[in-house]
């Protein structure tokens, strides 16, 4: 947690992954309670994770001999084009 008692985005995302069951399901309300968070935050993080998992891969292209990294997306549909 940060000094203000708020979790940063990566901490919260890790908590979502740890809290979701492998077998069975939980509602957004149940997840929010387990995360000690609001329904809105739990829903936004679940949606963001789903969108990332269903979008094109993001690939780092390292420039040899430098610390520079360029990024590109791999071919694939955008999340709003994925049929569920």
PDB file of N, CA and C in Angstrom:
ATOM      1  N   UNK A   1       0.836  -1.183   0.000  1.00  0.00           N
ATOM      2  CA  UNK A   1       0.000   0.000   0.000  1.00  0.00           C
ATOM      3  C   UNK A   1       0.876   1.239   0.000  1.00  0.00           C
ATOM      4  N   UNK A   2       0.334   2.310  -0.523  1.00  0.00           N
ATOM      5  CA  UNK A   2       1.062   3.567  -0.521  1.00  0.00           C
ATOM      6  C   UNK A   2       0.926   4.228   0.835  1.00  0.00           C
ATOM      7  N   UNK A   3       1.647   5.321   1.022  1.00  0.00           N
ATOM      8  CA  UNK A   3       1.586   6.018   2.310  1.00  0.00           C
ATOM      9  C   UNK A   3       0.181   6.454   2.665  1.00  0.00           C
ATOM     10  N   UNK A   4      -0.607   6.816   1.665  1.00  0.00           N
ATOM     11  CA  UNK A   4      -1.967   7.298   1.922  1.00  0.00           C
ATOM     12  C   UNK A   4      -2.942   6.157   2.187  1.00  0.00           C
ATOM     13  N   UNK A   5      -2.475   4.917   2.143  1.00  0.00           N
ATOM     14  CA  UNK A   5      -3.356   3.783   2.378  1.00  0.00           C
ATOM     15  C   UNK A   5      -4.065   3.297   1.124  1.00  0.00           C
ATOM     16  N   UNK A   6      -3.787   3.939  -0.004  1.00  0.00           N
ATOM     17  CA  UNK A   6      -4.385   3.499  -1.270  1.00  0.00           C
ATOM     18  C   UNK A   6      -3.427   2.552  -1.969  1.00  0.00           C
ATOM     19  N   UNK A   7      -3.969   1.548  -2.618  1.00  0.00           N
ATOM     20  CA  UNK A   7      -3.140   0.596  -3.357  1.00  0.00           C
ATOM     21  C   UNK A   7      -2.851   1.150  -4.740  1.00  0.00           C
ATOM     22  N   UNK A   8      -1.662   0.877  -5.238  1.00  0.00           N
ATOM     23  CA  UNK A   8      -1.396   1.301  -6.609  1.00  0.00           C
ATOM     24  C   UNK A   8      -2.023   0.290  -7.564  1.00  0.00           C
ATOM     25  N   UNK A   9      -2.039   0.616  -8.829  1.00  0.00           N
ATOM     26  CA  UNK A   9      -2.731  -0.207  -9.823  1.00  0.00           C
ATOM     27  C   UNK A   9      -2.177  -1.627  -9.897  1.00  0.00           C
ATOM     28  N   UNK A  10      -0.865  -1.777  -9.846  1.00  0.00           N
ATOM     29  CA  UNK A  10      -0.281  -3.117  -9.934  1.00  0.00           C
ATOM     30  C   UNK A  10      -0.611  -3.956  -8.703  1.00  0.00           C
ATOM     31  N   UNK A  11      -0.574  -3.345  -7.535  1.00  0.00           N
ATOM     32  CA  UNK A  11      -0.936  -4.072  -6.314  1.00  0.00           C
ATOM     33  C   UNK A  11      -2.378  -4.548  -6.378  1.00  0.00           C
ATOM     34  N   UNK A  12      -3.268  -3.669  -6.820  1.00  0.00           N
ATOM     35  CA  UNK A  12      -4.682  -4.033  -6.891  1.00  0.00           C
ATOM     36  C   UNK A  12      -4.910  -5.118  -7.939  1.00  0.00           C
ATOM     37  N   UNK A  13      -4.230  -5.033  -9.076  1.00  0.00           N
ATOM     38  CA  UNK A  13      -4.385  -6.052 -10.102  1.00  0.00           C
ATOM     39  C   UNK A  13      -3.908  -7.408  -9.587  1.00  0.00           C
ATOM     40  N   UNK A  14      -2.787  -7.435  -8.861  1.00  0.00           N
ATOM     41  CA  UNK A  14      -2.300  -8.683  -8.282  1.00  0.00           C
ATOM     42  C   UNK A  14      -3.309  -9.247  -7.273  1.00  0.00           C
ATOM     43  N   UNK A  15      -3.922  -8.375  -6.496  1.00  0.00           N
ATOM     44  CA  UNK A  15      -4.929  -8.829  -5.534  1.00  0.00           C
ATOM     45  C   UNK A  15      -6.143  -9.425  -6.246  1.00  0.00           C
ATOM     46  N   UNK A  16      -6.539  -8.819  -7.366  1.00  0.00           N
ATOM     47  CA  UNK A  16      -7.662  -9.363  -8.143  1.00  0.00           C
ATOM     48  C   UNK A  16      -7.315 -10.769  -8.607  1.00  0.00           C
ATOM     49  N   UNK A  17      -6.102 -10.954  -9.166  1.00  0.00           N
ATOM     50  CA  UNK A  17      -5.703 -12.280  -9.640  1.00  0.00           C
ATOM     51  C   UNK A  17      -5.688 -13.296  -8.499  1.00  0.00           C
ATOM     52  N   UNK A  18      -5.178 -12.913  -7.340  1.00  0.00           N
ATOM     53  CA  UNK A  18      -5.094 -13.826  -6.199  1.00  0.00           C
ATOM     54  C   UNK A  18      -6.476 -14.162  -5.640  1.00  0.00           C
ATOM     55  N   UNK A  19      -7.399 -13.214  -5.738  1.00  0.00           N
ATOM     56  CA  UNK A  19      -8.715 -13.371  -5.129  1.00  0.00           C
ATOM     57  C   UNK A  19      -9.686 -14.165  -5.997  1.00  0.00           C
ATOM     58  N   UNK A  20      -9.539 -14.096  -7.314  1.00  0.00           N
ATOM     59  CA  UNK A  20     -10.453 -14.829  -8.188  1.00  0.00           C
ATOM     60  C   UNK A  20     -10.241 -16.333  -8.022  1.00  0.00           C
ATOM     61  N   UNK A  21     -11.332 -17.079  -7.928  1.00  0.00           N
ATOM     62  CA  UNK A  21     -11.193 -18.535  -7.779  1.00  0.00           C
ATOM     63  C   UNK A  21     -10.832 -19.187  -9.109  1.00  0.00           C
ATOM     64  N   UNK A  22     -10.131 -20.321  -9.022  1.00  0.00           N
ATOM     65  CA  UNK A  22      -9.814 -21.090 -10.224  1.00  0.00           C
ATOM     66  C   UNK A  22     -11.043 -21.886 -10.648  1.00  0.00           C
ATOM     67  N   UNK A  23     -11.722 -22.443  -9.672  1.00  0.00           N
ATOM     68  CA  UNK A  23     -12.958 -23.169  -9.950  1.00  0.00           C
ATOM     69  C   UNK A  23     -14.111 -22.400  -9.331  1.00  0.00           C
ATOM     70  N   UNK A  24     -15.220 -22.352 -10.008  1.00  0.00           N
ATOM     71  CA  UNK A  24     -16.362 -21.585  -9.515  1.00  0.00           C
ATOM     72  C   UNK A  24     -16.235 -20.128  -9.941  1.00  0.00           C
ATOM     73  N   UNK A  25     -17.151 -19.332  -9.456  1.00  0.00           N
ATOM     74  CA  UNK A  25     -17.172 -17.926  -9.825  1.00  0.00           C
ATOM     75  C   UNK A  25     -17.472 -17.070  -8.597  1.00  0.00           C
ATOM     76  N   UNK A  26     -17.207 -15.779  -8.739  1.00  0.00           N
ATOM     77  CA  UNK A  26     -17.622 -14.804  -7.727  1.00  0.00           C
ATOM     78  C   UNK A  26     -18.265 -13.638  -8.457  1.00  0.00           C
ATOM     79  N   UNK A  27     -19.161 -12.976  -7.791  1.00  0.00           N
ATOM     80  CA  UNK A  27     -19.782 -11.790  -8.368  1.00  0.00           C
ATOM     81  C   UNK A  27     -18.850 -10.605  -8.152  1.00  0.00           C
ATOM     82  N   UNK A  28     -19.103  -9.515  -8.852  1.00  0.00           N
ATOM     83  CA  UNK A  28     -18.317  -8.303  -8.664  1.00  0.00           C
ATOM     84  C   UNK A  28     -18.464  -7.818  -7.224  1.00  0.00           C
ATOM     85  N   UNK A  29     -19.656  -7.931  -6.682  1.00  0.00           N
ATOM     86  CA  UNK A  29     -19.892  -7.524  -5.293  1.00  0.00           C
ATOM     87  C   UNK A  29     -19.047  -8.353  -4.327  1.00  0.00           C
ATOM     88  N   UNK A  30     -19.015  -9.675  -4.525  1.00  0.00           N
ATOM     89  CA  UNK A  30     -18.208 -10.543  -3.667  1.00  0.00           C
ATOM     90  C   UNK A  30     -16.723 -10.216  -3.803  1.00  0.00           C
ATOM     91  N   UNK A  31     -16.274  -9.981  -5.032  1.00  0.00           N
ATOM     92  CA  UNK A  31     -14.871  -9.640  -5.253  1.00  0.00           C
ATOM     93  C   UNK A  31     -14.527  -8.326  -4.568  1.00  0.00           C
ATOM     94  N   UNK A  32     -15.398  -7.340  -4.699  1.00  0.00           N
ATOM     95  CA  UNK A  32     -15.156  -6.041  -4.063  1.00  0.00           C
ATOM     96  C   UNK A  32     -15.032  -6.203  -2.549  1.00  0.00           C
ATOM     97  N   UNK A  33     -15.893  -7.022  -1.963  1.00  0.00           N
ATOM     98  CA  UNK A  33     -15.831  -7.256  -0.513  1.00  0.00           C
ATOM     99  C   UNK A  33     -14.516  -7.915  -0.127  1.00  0.00           C
ATOM    100  N   UNK A  34     -14.091  -8.912  -0.907  1.00  0.00           N
ATOM    101  CA  UNK A  34     -12.839  -9.612  -0.604  1.00  0.00           C
ATOM    102  C   UNK A  34     -11.623  -8.706  -0.777  1.00  0.00           C
ATOM    103  N   UNK A  35     -11.723  -7.736  -1.692  1.00  0.00           N
ATOM    104  CA  UNK A  35     -10.620  -6.797  -1.924  1.00  0.00           C
ATOM    105  C   UNK A  35     -10.688  -5.602  -0.983  1.00  0.00           C
ATOM    106  N   UNK A  36     -11.763  -5.520  -0.200  1.00  0.00           N
ATOM    107  CA  UNK A  36     -12.008  -4.348   0.646  1.00  0.00           C
ATOM    108  C   UNK A  36     -12.017  -3.093  -0.220  1.00  0.00           C
ATOM    109  N   UNK A  37     -12.803  -3.161  -1.298  1.00  0.00           N
ATOM    110  CA  UNK A  37     -12.870  -2.090  -2.282  1.00  0.00           C
ATOM    111  C   UNK A  37     -14.327  -1.840  -2.651  1.00  0.00           C
ATOM    112  N   UNK A  38     -14.539  -0.951  -3.591  1.00  0.00           N
ATOM    113  CA  UNK A  38     -15.898  -0.665  -4.045  1.00  0.00           C
ATOM    114  C   UNK A  38     -16.259  -1.538  -5.243  1.00  0.00           C
ATOM    115  N   UNK A  39     -17.545  -1.656  -5.507  1.00  0.00           N
ATOM    116  CA  UNK A  39     -18.024  -2.399  -6.660  1.00  0.00           C
ATOM    117  C   UNK A  39     -17.461  -1.791  -7.936  1.00  0.00           C
ATOM    118  N   UNK A  40     -17.444  -0.464  -8.017  1.00  0.00           N
ATOM    119  CA  UNK A  40     -16.980   0.234  -9.210  1.00  0.00           C
ATOM    120  C   UNK A  40     -15.518  -0.078  -9.513  1.00  0.00           C
ATOM    121  N   UNK A  41     -14.672  -0.061  -8.490  1.00  0.00           N
ATOM    122  CA  UNK A  41     -13.240  -0.345  -8.693  1.00  0.00           C
ATOM    123  C   UNK A  41     -13.053  -1.794  -9.127  1.00  0.00           C
ATOM    124  N   UNK A  42     -13.725  -2.727  -8.470  1.00  0.00           N
ATOM    125  CA  UNK A  42     -13.610  -4.142  -8.833  1.00  0.00           C
ATOM    126  C   UNK A  42     -14.063  -4.367 -10.270  1.00  0.00           C
ATOM    127  N   UNK A  43     -15.176  -3.768 -10.657  1.00  0.00           N
ATOM    128  CA  UNK A  43     -15.689  -3.911 -12.013  1.00  0.00           C
ATOM    129  C   UNK A  43     -14.728  -3.326 -13.032  1.00  0.00           C
ATOM    130  N   UNK A  44     -14.171  -2.166 -12.753  1.00  0.00           N
ATOM    131  CA  UNK A  44     -13.234  -1.533 -13.692  1.00  0.00           C
ATOM    132  C   UNK A  44     -11.978  -2.369 -13.874  1.00  0.00           C
ATOM    133  N   UNK A  45     -11.457  -2.941 -12.784  1.00  0.00           N
ATOM    134  CA  UNK A  45     -10.256  -3.763 -12.904  1.00  0.00           C
ATOM    135  C   UNK A  45     -10.537  -5.061 -13.642  1.00  0.00           C
ATOM    136  N   UNK A  46     -11.668  -5.694 -13.380  1.00  0.00           N
ATOM    137  CA  UNK A  46     -12.022  -6.915 -14.109  1.00  0.00           C
ATOM    138  C   UNK A  46     -12.180  -6.627 -15.600  1.00  0.00           C
ATOM    139  N   UNK A  47     -12.835  -5.533 -15.931  1.00  0.00           N
ATOM    140  CA  UNK A  47     -13.019  -5.155 -17.332  1.00  0.00           C
ATOM    141  C   UNK A  47     -11.687  -4.864 -17.994  1.00  0.00           C
ATOM    142  N   UNK A  48     -10.808  -4.145 -17.289  1.00  0.00           N
ATOM    143  CA  UNK A  48      -9.499  -3.815 -17.845  1.00  0.00           C
ATOM    144  C   UNK A  48      -8.686  -5.084 -18.092  1.00  0.00           C
ATOM    145  N   UNK A  49      -8.689  -6.006 -17.133  1.00  0.00           N
ATOM    146  CA  UNK A  49      -7.949  -7.260 -17.296  1.00  0.00           C
ATOM    147  C   UNK A  49      -8.500  -8.049 -18.480  1.00  0.00           C
ATOM    148  N   UNK A  50      -9.807  -8.131 -18.581  1.00  0.00           N
ATOM    149  CA  UNK A  50     -10.426  -8.858 -19.698  1.00  0.00           C
ATOM    150  C   UNK A  50     -10.036  -8.244 -21.031  1.00  0.00           C
ATOM    151  N   UNK A  51     -10.083  -6.908 -21.107  1.00  0.00           N
ATOM    152  CA  UNK A  51      -9.736  -6.226 -22.358  1.00  0.00           C
ATOM    153  C   UNK A  51      -8.279  -6.465 -22.726  1.00  0.00           C
ATOM    154  N   UNK A  52      -7.392  -6.440 -21.749  1.00  0.00           N
ATOM    155  CA  UNK A  52      -5.972  -6.674 -22.024  1.00  0.00           C
ATOM    156  C   UNK A  52      -5.758  -8.106 -22.516  1.00  0.00           C
ATOM    157  N   UNK A  53      -6.431  -9.054 -21.885  1.00  0.00           N
ATOM    158  CA  UNK A  53      -6.258 -10.454 -22.274  1.00  0.00           C
ATOM    159  C   UNK A  53      -6.811 -10.747 -23.666  1.00  0.00           C
ATOM    160  N   UNK A  54      -7.742  -9.957 -24.131  1.00  0.00           N
ATOM    161  CA  UNK A  54      -8.368 -10.218 -25.429  1.00  0.00           C
ATOM    162  C   UNK A  54      -7.892  -9.282 -26.528  1.00  0.00           C
ATOM    163  N   UNK A  55      -6.942  -8.449 -26.248  1.00  0.00           N
ATOM    164  CA  UNK A  55      -6.417  -7.537 -27.256  1.00  0.00           C
ATOM    165  C   UNK A  55      -5.169  -8.095 -27.911  1.00  0.00           C
ATOM    166  N   UNK A  56      -4.640  -7.367 -28.868  1.00  0.00           N
ATOM    167  CA  UNK A  56      -3.392  -7.815 -29.497  1.00  0.00           C
ATOM    168  C   UNK A  56      -2.237  -7.759 -28.502  1.00  0.00           C
ATOM    169  N   UNK A  57      -1.258  -8.612 -28.707  1.00  0.00           N
ATOM    170  CA  UNK A  57      -0.078  -8.595 -27.849  1.00  0.00           C
ATOM    171  C   UNK A  57       0.706  -7.314 -28.080  1.00  0.00           C
ATOM    172  N   UNK A  58       1.344  -6.833 -27.036  1.00  0.00           N
ATOM    173  CA  UNK A  58       2.236  -5.683 -27.128  1.00  0.00           C
ATOM    174  C   UNK A  58       3.654  -6.232 -27.020  1.00  0.00           C
ATOM    175  N   UNK A  59       4.494  -5.851 -27.971  1.00  0.00           N
ATOM    176  CA  UNK A  59       5.816  -6.449 -28.063  1.00  0.00           C
ATOM    177  C   UNK A  59       6.903  -5.383 -27.911  1.00  0.00           C
ATOM    178  N   UNK A  60       7.862  -5.607 -26.974  1.00  0.00           N
ATOM    179  CA  UNK A  60       8.980  -4.683 -26.862  1.00  0.00           C
ATOM    180  C   UNK A  60      10.043  -5.014 -27.914  1.00  0.00           C
ATOM    181  N   UNK A  61      10.570  -3.998 -28.557  1.00  0.00           N
ATOM    182  CA  UNK A  61      11.655  -4.160 -29.522  1.00  0.00           C
ATOM    183  C   UNK A  61      12.861  -3.437 -28.938  1.00  0.00           C
ATOM    184  N   UNK A  62      13.814  -4.205 -28.450  1.00  0.00           N
ATOM    185  CA  UNK A  62      14.998  -3.616 -27.821  1.00  0.00           C
ATOM    186  C   UNK A  62      16.017  -3.238 -28.886  1.00  0.00           C
ATOM    187  N   UNK A  63      16.575  -2.044 -28.738  1.00  0.00           N
ATOM    188  CA  UNK A  63      17.602  -1.581 -29.660  1.00  0.00           C
ATOM    189  C   UNK A  63      18.957  -2.039 -29.130  1.00  0.00           C
ATOM    190  N   UNK A  64      19.643  -2.822 -29.930  1.00  0.00           N
ATOM    191  CA  UNK A  64      20.911  -3.406 -29.507  1.00  0.00           C
ATOM    192  C   UNK A  64      21.924  -2.316 -29.157  1.00  0.00           C
ATOM    193  N   UNK A  65      22.568  -2.498 -28.029  1.00  0.00           N
ATOM    194  CA  UNK A  65      23.603  -1.566 -27.603  1.00  0.00           C
ATOM    195  C   UNK A  65      23.086  -0.341 -26.871  1.00  0.00           C
ATOM    196  N   UNK A  66      21.770  -0.224 -26.703  1.00  0.00           N
ATOM    197  CA  UNK A  66      21.201   0.916 -25.972  1.00  0.00           C
ATOM    198  C   UNK A  66      20.186   0.408 -24.960  1.00  0.00           C
ATOM    199  N   UNK A  67      19.756   1.313 -24.115  1.00  0.00           N
ATOM    200  CA  UNK A  67      18.698   0.968 -23.154  1.00  0.00           C
ATOM    201  C   UNK A  67      17.322   1.301 -23.715  1.00  0.00           C
ATOM    202  N   UNK A  68      17.275   1.807 -24.929  1.00  0.00           N
ATOM    203  CA  UNK A  68      16.004   2.208 -25.538  1.00  0.00           C
ATOM    204  C   UNK A  68      15.161   0.988 -25.899  1.00  0.00           C
ATOM    205  N   UNK A  69      13.877   1.131 -25.696  1.00  0.00           N
ATOM    206  CA  UNK A  69      12.929   0.087 -26.081  1.00  0.00           C
ATOM    207  C   UNK A  69      11.806   0.761 -26.857  1.00  0.00           C
ATOM    208  N   UNK A  70      11.535   0.244 -28.040  1.00  0.00           N
ATOM    209  CA  UNK A  70      10.377   0.690 -28.816  1.00  0.00           C
ATOM    210  C   UNK A  70       9.296  -0.369 -28.657  1.00  0.00           C
ATOM    211  N   UNK A  71       8.070   0.029 -28.873  1.00  0.00           N
ATOM    212  CA  UNK A  71       6.944  -0.884 -28.686  1.00  0.00           C
ATOM    213  C   UNK A  71       6.094  -0.928 -29.937  1.00  0.00           C
ATOM    214  N   UNK A  72       5.509  -2.087 -30.167  1.00  0.00           N
ATOM    215  CA  UNK A  72       4.532  -2.231 -31.256  1.00  0.00           C
ATOM    216  C   UNK A  72       3.507  -3.262 -30.837  1.00  0.00           C
ATOM    217  N   UNK A  73       2.386  -3.250 -31.522  1.00  0.00           N
ATOM    218  CA  UNK A  73       1.388  -4.283 -31.244  1.00  0.00           C
ATOM    219  C   UNK A  73       1.512  -5.371 -32.281  1.00  0.00           C
ATOM    220  N   UNK A  74       1.251  -6.576 -31.854  1.00  0.00           N
ATOM    221  CA  UNK A  74       1.208  -7.708 -32.746  1.00  0.00           C
ATOM    222  C   UNK A  74      -0.156  -7.684 -33.425  1.00  0.00           C
ATOM    223  N   UNK A  75      -0.279  -8.405 -34.510  1.00  0.00           N
ATOM    224  CA  UNK A  75      -1.558  -8.466 -35.202  1.00  0.00           C
ATOM    225  C   UNK A  75      -2.606  -9.112 -34.307  1.00  0.00           C
ATOM    226  N   UNK A  76      -3.784  -8.558 -34.291  1.00  0.00           N
ATOM    227  CA  UNK A  76      -4.885  -9.147 -33.539  1.00  0.00           C
ATOM    228  C   UNK A  76      -6.032  -8.157 -33.423  1.00  0.00           C
ATOM    229  N   UNK A  77      -7.210  -8.650 -33.096  1.00  0.00           N
ATOM    230  CA  UNK A  77      -8.369  -7.765 -32.974  1.00  0.00           C
ATOM    231  C   UNK A  77      -8.282  -6.917 -31.718  1.00  0.00           C
ATOM    232  N   UNK A  78      -8.874  -5.755 -31.770  1.00  0.00           N
ATOM    233  CA  UNK A  78      -8.992  -4.925 -30.589  1.00  0.00           C
ATOM    234  C   UNK A  78     -10.052  -5.538 -29.680  1.00  0.00           C
ATOM    235  N   UNK A  79      -9.997  -5.269 -28.372  1.00  0.00           N
ATOM    236  CA  UNK A  79     -10.939  -5.926 -27.447  1.00  0.00           C
ATOM    237  C   UNK A  79     -12.405  -5.719 -27.792  1.00  0.00           C
ATOM    238  N   UNK A  80     -12.773  -4.557 -28.332  1.00  0.00           N
ATOM    239  CA  UNK A  80     -14.176  -4.333 -28.656  1.00  0.00           C
ATOM    240  C   UNK A  80     -14.619  -5.101 -29.900  1.00  0.00           C
ATOM    241  N   UNK A  81     -13.659  -5.737 -30.602  1.00  0.00           N
ATOM    242  CA  UNK A  81     -13.987  -6.549 -31.767  1.00  0.00           C
ATOM    243  C   UNK A  81     -14.081  -8.033 -31.431  1.00  0.00           C
ATOM    244  N   UNK A  82     -13.738  -8.411 -30.193  1.00  0.00           N
ATOM    245  CA  UNK A  82     -13.748  -9.809 -29.782  1.00  0.00           C
ATOM    246  C   UNK A  82     -15.186 -10.205 -29.436  1.00  0.00           C
ATOM    247  N   UNK A  83     -15.611 -11.314 -29.988  1.00  0.00           N
ATOM    248  CA  UNK A  83     -16.960 -11.817 -29.686  1.00  0.00           C
ATOM    249  C   UNK A  83     -16.866 -12.719 -28.455  1.00  0.00           C
ATOM    250  N   UNK A  84     -17.761 -12.513 -27.502  1.00  0.00           N
ATOM    251  CA  UNK A  84     -17.751 -13.338 -26.289  1.00  0.00           C
ATOM    252  C   UNK A  84     -18.845 -14.372 -26.356  1.00  0.00           C
TER     253      UNK A  84
END
